Amino acid sequence: MSKEAKSRTEKESFFPERLFGGEHYKTTISDGKDKVEGRGRTSEEAEKLAGKKWDSKKS
């Protein structure tokens, strides 16, 4: 990830997940021009997926 890019991870909560349990996290990486998102059951999984998407987009 470049120095200009910013990463943010947050917990997502959709109505079905609140009913049946479970949490999801979303990580967004953006440099102001490009943006990718990764979602996972843990914050680490979301960050890893977003990082892979970012790397493939930037290569």
PDB file of N, CA and C in Angstrom:
ATOM      1  N   MET A   1       0.863  -1.174   0.000  1.00  0.00           N
ATOM      2  CA  MET A   1       0.000   0.000   0.000  1.00  0.00           C
ATOM      3  C   MET A   1       0.904   1.230   0.000  1.00  0.00           C
ATOM      4  N   SER A   2       0.568   2.199  -0.837  1.00  0.00           N
ATOM      5  CA  SER A   2       1.385   3.404  -0.930  1.00  0.00           C
ATOM      6  C   SER A   2       1.152   4.310   0.267  1.00  0.00           C
ATOM      7  N   LYS A   3       2.040   5.287   0.430  1.00  0.00           N
ATOM      8  CA  LYS A   3       1.936   6.200   1.572  1.00  0.00           C
ATOM      9  C   LYS A   3       0.700   7.086   1.477  1.00  0.00           C
ATOM     10  N   GLU A   4       0.215   7.361   0.243  1.00  0.00           N
ATOM     11  CA  GLU A   4      -0.942   8.227   0.088  1.00  0.00           C
ATOM     12  C   GLU A   4      -2.249   7.515   0.393  1.00  0.00           C
ATOM     13  N   ALA A   5      -2.237   6.189   0.331  1.00  0.00           N
ATOM     14  CA  ALA A   5      -3.465   5.409   0.525  1.00  0.00           C
ATOM     15  C   ALA A   5      -3.843   5.354   2.002  1.00  0.00           C
ATOM     16  N   LYS A   6      -5.125   5.379   2.246  1.00  0.00           N
ATOM     17  CA  LYS A   6      -5.668   5.299   3.606  1.00  0.00           C
ATOM     18  C   LYS A   6      -6.479   4.015   3.726  1.00  0.00           C
ATOM     19  N   SER A   7      -6.407   3.392   4.888  1.00  0.00           N
ATOM     20  CA  SER A   7      -7.147   2.166   5.150  1.00  0.00           C
ATOM     21  C   SER A   7      -8.034   2.367   6.369  1.00  0.00           C
ATOM     22  N   ARG A   8      -9.265   1.835   6.279  1.00  0.00           N
ATOM     23  CA  ARG A   8     -10.196   1.946   7.401  1.00  0.00           C
ATOM     24  C   ARG A   8     -10.983   0.650   7.531  1.00  0.00           C
ATOM     25  N   THR A   9     -11.047   0.120   8.744  1.00  0.00           N
ATOM     26  CA  THR A   9     -11.806  -1.095   9.008  1.00  0.00           C
ATOM     27  C   THR A   9     -12.921  -0.767   9.984  1.00  0.00           C
ATOM     28  N   GLU A  10     -14.122  -1.262   9.657  1.00  0.00           N
ATOM     29  CA  GLU A  10     -15.265  -1.009  10.520  1.00  0.00           C
ATOM     30  C   GLU A  10     -16.138  -2.253  10.603  1.00  0.00           C
ATOM     31  N   LYS A  11     -16.882  -2.361  11.671  1.00  0.00           N
ATOM     32  CA  LYS A  11     -17.802  -3.477  11.854  1.00  0.00           C
ATOM     33  C   LYS A  11     -19.088  -3.166  11.107  1.00  0.00           C
ATOM     34  N   GLU A  12     -19.549  -4.150  10.323  1.00  0.00           N
ATOM     35  CA  GLU A  12     -20.812  -4.009   9.607  1.00  0.00           C
ATOM     36  C   GLU A  12     -21.861  -4.848  10.319  1.00  0.00           C
ATOM     37  N   SER A  13     -23.058  -4.373  10.318  1.00  0.00           N
ATOM     38  CA  SER A  13     -24.139  -5.119  10.935  1.00  0.00           C
ATOM     39  C   SER A  13     -25.391  -4.971  10.083  1.00  0.00           C
ATOM     40  N   PHE A  14     -25.780  -6.046   9.439  1.00  0.00           N
ATOM     41  CA  PHE A  14     -26.993  -6.064   8.641  1.00  0.00           C
ATOM     42  C   PHE A  14     -28.092  -6.754   9.430  1.00  0.00           C
ATOM     43  N   PHE A  15     -29.314  -6.454   9.113  1.00  0.00           N
ATOM     44  CA  PHE A  15     -30.451  -6.979   9.854  1.00  0.00           C
ATOM     45  C   PHE A  15     -30.430  -8.512   9.989  1.00  0.00           C
ATOM     46  N   PRO A  16     -30.228  -9.291   8.916  1.00  0.00           N
ATOM     47  CA  PRO A  16     -30.213 -10.754   9.086  1.00  0.00           C
ATOM     48  C   PRO A  16     -29.116 -11.234  10.040  1.00  0.00           C
ATOM     49  N   GLU A  17     -27.960 -10.583  10.010  1.00  0.00           N
ATOM     50  CA  GLU A  17     -26.873 -10.978  10.905  1.00  0.00           C
ATOM     51  C   GLU A  17     -27.235 -10.687  12.352  1.00  0.00           C
ATOM     52  N   ARG A  18     -27.956  -9.603  12.580  1.00  0.00           N
ATOM     53  CA  ARG A  18     -28.385  -9.303  13.945  1.00  0.00           C
ATOM     54  C   ARG A  18     -29.380 -10.345  14.438  1.00  0.00           C
ATOM     55  N   LEU A  19     -30.225 -10.842  13.543  1.00  0.00           N
ATOM     56  CA  LEU A  19     -31.205 -11.858  13.925  1.00  0.00           C
ATOM     57  C   LEU A  19     -30.550 -13.207  14.205  1.00  0.00           C
ATOM     58  N   PHE A  20     -29.639 -13.616  13.343  1.00  0.00           N
ATOM     59  CA  PHE A  20     -29.056 -14.950  13.416  1.00  0.00           C
ATOM     60  C   PHE A  20     -27.664 -14.981  14.031  1.00  0.00           C
ATOM     61  N   GLY A  21     -27.169 -13.854  14.430  1.00  0.00           N
ATOM     62  CA  GLY A  21     -25.831 -13.790  15.021  1.00  0.00           C
ATOM     63  C   GLY A  21     -24.771 -13.640  13.950  1.00  0.00           C
ATOM     64  N   GLY A  22     -23.605 -13.315  14.382  1.00  0.00           N
ATOM     65  CA  GLY A  22     -22.502 -13.151  13.434  1.00  0.00           C
ATOM     66  C   GLY A  22     -22.209 -11.687  13.189  1.00  0.00           C
ATOM     67  N   GLU A  23     -20.990 -11.421  12.897  1.00  0.00           N
ATOM     68  CA  GLU A  23     -20.550 -10.064  12.617  1.00  0.00           C
ATOM     69  C   GLU A  23     -19.683 -10.097  11.380  1.00  0.00           C
ATOM     70  N   HIS A  24     -19.644  -9.008  10.685  1.00  0.00           N
ATOM     71  CA  HIS A  24     -18.768  -8.862   9.537  1.00  0.00           C
ATOM     72  C   HIS A  24     -18.017  -7.549   9.660  1.00  0.00           C
ATOM     73  N   TYR A  25     -16.844  -7.538   9.075  1.00  0.00           N
ATOM     74  CA  TYR A  25     -16.020  -6.338   9.047  1.00  0.00           C
ATOM     75  C   TYR A  25     -15.767  -5.948   7.606  1.00  0.00           C
ATOM     76  N   LYS A  26     -15.639  -4.656   7.386  1.00  0.00           N
ATOM     77  CA  LYS A  26     -15.349  -4.131   6.059  1.00  0.00           C
ATOM     78  C   LYS A  26     -14.122  -3.243   6.163  1.00  0.00           C
ATOM     79  N   THR A  27     -13.139  -3.499   5.294  1.00  0.00           N
ATOM     80  CA  THR A  27     -11.962  -2.647   5.200  1.00  0.00           C
ATOM     81  C   THR A  27     -11.997  -1.940   3.859  1.00  0.00           C
ATOM     82  N   THR A  28     -11.804  -0.637   3.889  1.00  0.00           N
ATOM     83  CA  THR A  28     -11.759   0.175   2.677  1.00  0.00           C
ATOM     84  C   THR A  28     -10.360   0.765   2.550  1.00  0.00           C
ATOM     85  N   ILE A  29      -9.775   0.620   1.370  1.00  0.00           N
ATOM     86  CA  ILE A  29      -8.487   1.238   1.073  1.00  0.00           C
ATOM     87  C   ILE A  29      -8.718   2.197  -0.091  1.00  0.00           C
ATOM     88  N   SER A  30      -8.264   3.432   0.079  1.00  0.00           N
ATOM     89  CA  SER A  30      -8.456   4.443  -0.956  1.00  0.00           C
ATOM     90  C   SER A  30      -7.281   5.409  -0.975  1.00  0.00           C
ATOM     91  N   ASP A  31      -6.952   5.866  -2.169  1.00  0.00           N
ATOM     92  CA  ASP A  31      -5.922   6.895  -2.293  1.00  0.00           C
ATOM     93  C   ASP A  31      -6.514   8.175  -2.873  1.00  0.00           C
ATOM     94  N   GLY A  32      -7.848   8.286  -2.855  1.00  0.00           N
ATOM     95  CA  GLY A  32      -8.515   9.451  -3.403  1.00  0.00           C
ATOM     96  C   GLY A  32      -8.914   9.256  -4.846  1.00  0.00           C
ATOM     97  N   LYS A  33      -8.226   8.374  -5.541  1.00  0.00           N
ATOM     98  CA  LYS A  33      -8.520   8.094  -6.940  1.00  0.00           C
ATOM     99  C   LYS A  33      -9.135   6.701  -7.083  1.00  0.00           C
ATOM    100  N   ASP A  34      -8.498   5.718  -6.484  1.00  0.00           N
ATOM    101  CA  ASP A  34      -8.964   4.336  -6.531  1.00  0.00           C
ATOM    102  C   ASP A  34      -9.453   3.909  -5.151  1.00  0.00           C
ATOM    103  N   LYS A  35     -10.372   2.935  -5.151  1.00  0.00           N
ATOM    104  CA  LYS A  35     -10.942   2.459  -3.889  1.00  0.00           C
ATOM    105  C   LYS A  35     -11.239   0.972  -4.012  1.00  0.00           C
ATOM    106  N   VAL A  36     -10.905   0.203  -2.979  1.00  0.00           N
ATOM    107  CA  VAL A  36     -11.266  -1.208  -2.918  1.00  0.00           C
ATOM    108  C   VAL A  36     -11.836  -1.502  -1.535  1.00  0.00           C
ATOM    109  N   GLU A  37     -12.657  -2.556  -1.463  1.00  0.00           N
ATOM    110  CA  GLU A  37     -13.235  -2.981  -0.193  1.00  0.00           C
ATOM    111  C   GLU A  37     -13.025  -4.473  -0.022  1.00  0.00           C
ATOM    112  N   GLY A  38     -12.794  -4.880   1.200  1.00  0.00           N
ATOM    113  CA  GLY A  38     -12.709  -6.289   1.536  1.00  0.00           C
ATOM    114  C   GLY A  38     -13.595  -6.552   2.733  1.00  0.00           C
ATOM    115  N   ARG A  39     -14.327  -7.653   2.679  1.00  0.00           N
ATOM    116  CA  ARG A  39     -15.222  -8.009   3.790  1.00  0.00           C
ATOM    117  C   ARG A  39     -14.844  -9.371   4.322  1.00  0.00           C
ATOM    118  N   GLY A  40     -14.947  -9.527   5.650  1.00  0.00           N
ATOM    119  CA  GLY A  40     -14.641 -10.805   6.264  1.00  0.00           C
ATOM    120  C   GLY A  40     -15.277 -10.930   7.632  1.00  0.00           C
ATOM    121  N   ARG A  41     -15.190 -12.132   8.194  1.00  0.00           N
ATOM    122  CA  ARG A  41     -15.769 -12.382   9.519  1.00  0.00           C
ATOM    123  C   ARG A  41     -14.920 -11.771  10.636  1.00  0.00           C
ATOM    124  N   THR A  42     -13.645 -11.532  10.363  1.00  0.00           N
ATOM    125  CA  THR A  42     -12.775 -10.874  11.335  1.00  0.00           C
ATOM    126  C   THR A  42     -12.172  -9.634  10.676  1.00  0.00           C
ATOM    127  N   SER A  43     -11.682  -8.716  11.500  1.00  0.00           N
ATOM    128  CA  SER A  43     -11.060  -7.514  10.930  1.00  0.00           C
ATOM    129  C   SER A  43      -9.799  -7.885  10.152  1.00  0.00           C
ATOM    130  N   GLU A  44      -9.071  -8.888  10.631  1.00  0.00           N
ATOM    131  CA  GLU A  44      -7.850  -9.324   9.945  1.00  0.00           C
ATOM    132  C   GLU A  44      -8.171  -9.898   8.565  1.00  0.00           C
ATOM    133  N   GLU A  45      -9.235 -10.690   8.490  1.00  0.00           N
ATOM    134  CA  GLU A  45      -9.635 -11.274   7.210  1.00  0.00           C
ATOM    135  C   GLU A  45     -10.044 -10.175   6.233  1.00  0.00           C
ATOM    136  N   ALA A  46     -10.797  -9.191   6.696  1.00  0.00           N
ATOM    137  CA  ALA A  46     -11.222  -8.084   5.843  1.00  0.00           C
ATOM    138  C   ALA A  46     -10.020  -7.284   5.349  1.00  0.00           C
ATOM    139  N   GLU A  47      -9.058  -7.036   6.238  1.00  0.00           N
ATOM    140  CA  GLU A  47      -7.859  -6.290   5.853  1.00  0.00           C
ATOM    141  C   GLU A  47      -7.036  -7.063   4.833  1.00  0.00           C
ATOM    142  N   LYS A  48      -6.923  -8.362   5.024  1.00  0.00           N
ATOM    143  CA  LYS A  48      -6.146  -9.200   4.105  1.00  0.00           C
ATOM    144  C   LYS A  48      -6.776  -9.199   2.707  1.00  0.00           C
ATOM    145  N   LEU A  49      -8.093  -9.368   2.644  1.00  0.00           N
ATOM    146  CA  LEU A  49      -8.778  -9.374   1.354  1.00  0.00           C
ATOM    147  C   LEU A  49      -8.670  -8.024   0.648  1.00  0.00           C
ATOM    148  N   ALA A  50      -8.844  -6.944   1.397  1.00  0.00           N
ATOM    149  CA  ALA A  50      -8.722  -5.613   0.800  1.00  0.00           C
ATOM    150  C   ALA A  50      -7.298  -5.379   0.304  1.00  0.00           C
ATOM    151  N   GLY A  51      -6.311  -5.818   1.079  1.00  0.00           N
ATOM    152  CA  GLY A  51      -4.914  -5.665   0.667  1.00  0.00           C
ATOM    153  C   GLY A  51      -4.610  -6.404  -0.617  1.00  0.00           C
ATOM    154  N   LYS A  52      -5.148  -7.619  -0.760  1.00  0.00           N
ATOM    155  CA  LYS A  52      -4.939  -8.391  -1.989  1.00  0.00           C
ATOM    156  C   LYS A  52      -5.575  -7.687  -3.184  1.00  0.00           C
ATOM    157  N   LYS A  53      -6.793  -7.172  -2.987  1.00  0.00           N
ATOM    158  CA  LYS A  53      -7.461  -6.452  -4.069  1.00  0.00           C
ATOM    159  C   LYS A  53      -6.683  -5.201  -4.452  1.00  0.00           C
ATOM    160  N   TRP A  54      -6.168  -4.488  -3.442  1.00  0.00           N
ATOM    161  CA  TRP A  54      -5.414  -3.267  -3.681  1.00  0.00           C
ATOM    162  C   TRP A  54      -4.137  -3.571  -4.469  1.00  0.00           C
ATOM    163  N   ASP A  55      -3.425  -4.604  -4.033  1.00  0.00           N
ATOM    164  CA  ASP A  55      -2.181  -4.976  -4.717  1.00  0.00           C
ATOM    165  C   ASP A  55      -2.427  -5.376  -6.162  1.00  0.00           C
ATOM    166  N   SER A  56      -3.499  -6.140  -6.421  1.00  0.00           N
ATOM    167  CA  SER A  56      -3.766  -6.568  -7.795  1.00  0.00           C
ATOM    168  C   SER A  56      -4.216  -5.392  -8.645  1.00  0.00           C
ATOM    169  N   LYS A  57      -4.911  -4.441  -8.055  1.00  0.00           N
ATOM    170  CA  LYS A  57      -5.359  -3.265  -8.801  1.00  0.00           C
ATOM    171  C   LYS A  57      -4.182  -2.353  -9.163  1.00  0.00           C
ATOM    172  N   LYS A  58      -3.222  -2.263  -8.256  1.00  0.00           N
ATOM    173  CA  LYS A  58      -2.101  -1.354  -8.452  1.00  0.00           C
ATOM    174  C   LYS A  58      -0.936  -1.976  -9.216  1.00  0.00           C
ATOM    175  N   SER A  59      -1.001  -3.284  -9.513  1.00  0.00           N
ATOM    176  CA  SER A  59       0.119  -3.896 -10.238  1.00  0.00           C
ATOM    177  C   SER A  59      -0.151  -4.002 -11.716  1.00  0.00           C
TER     178      SER A  59
END
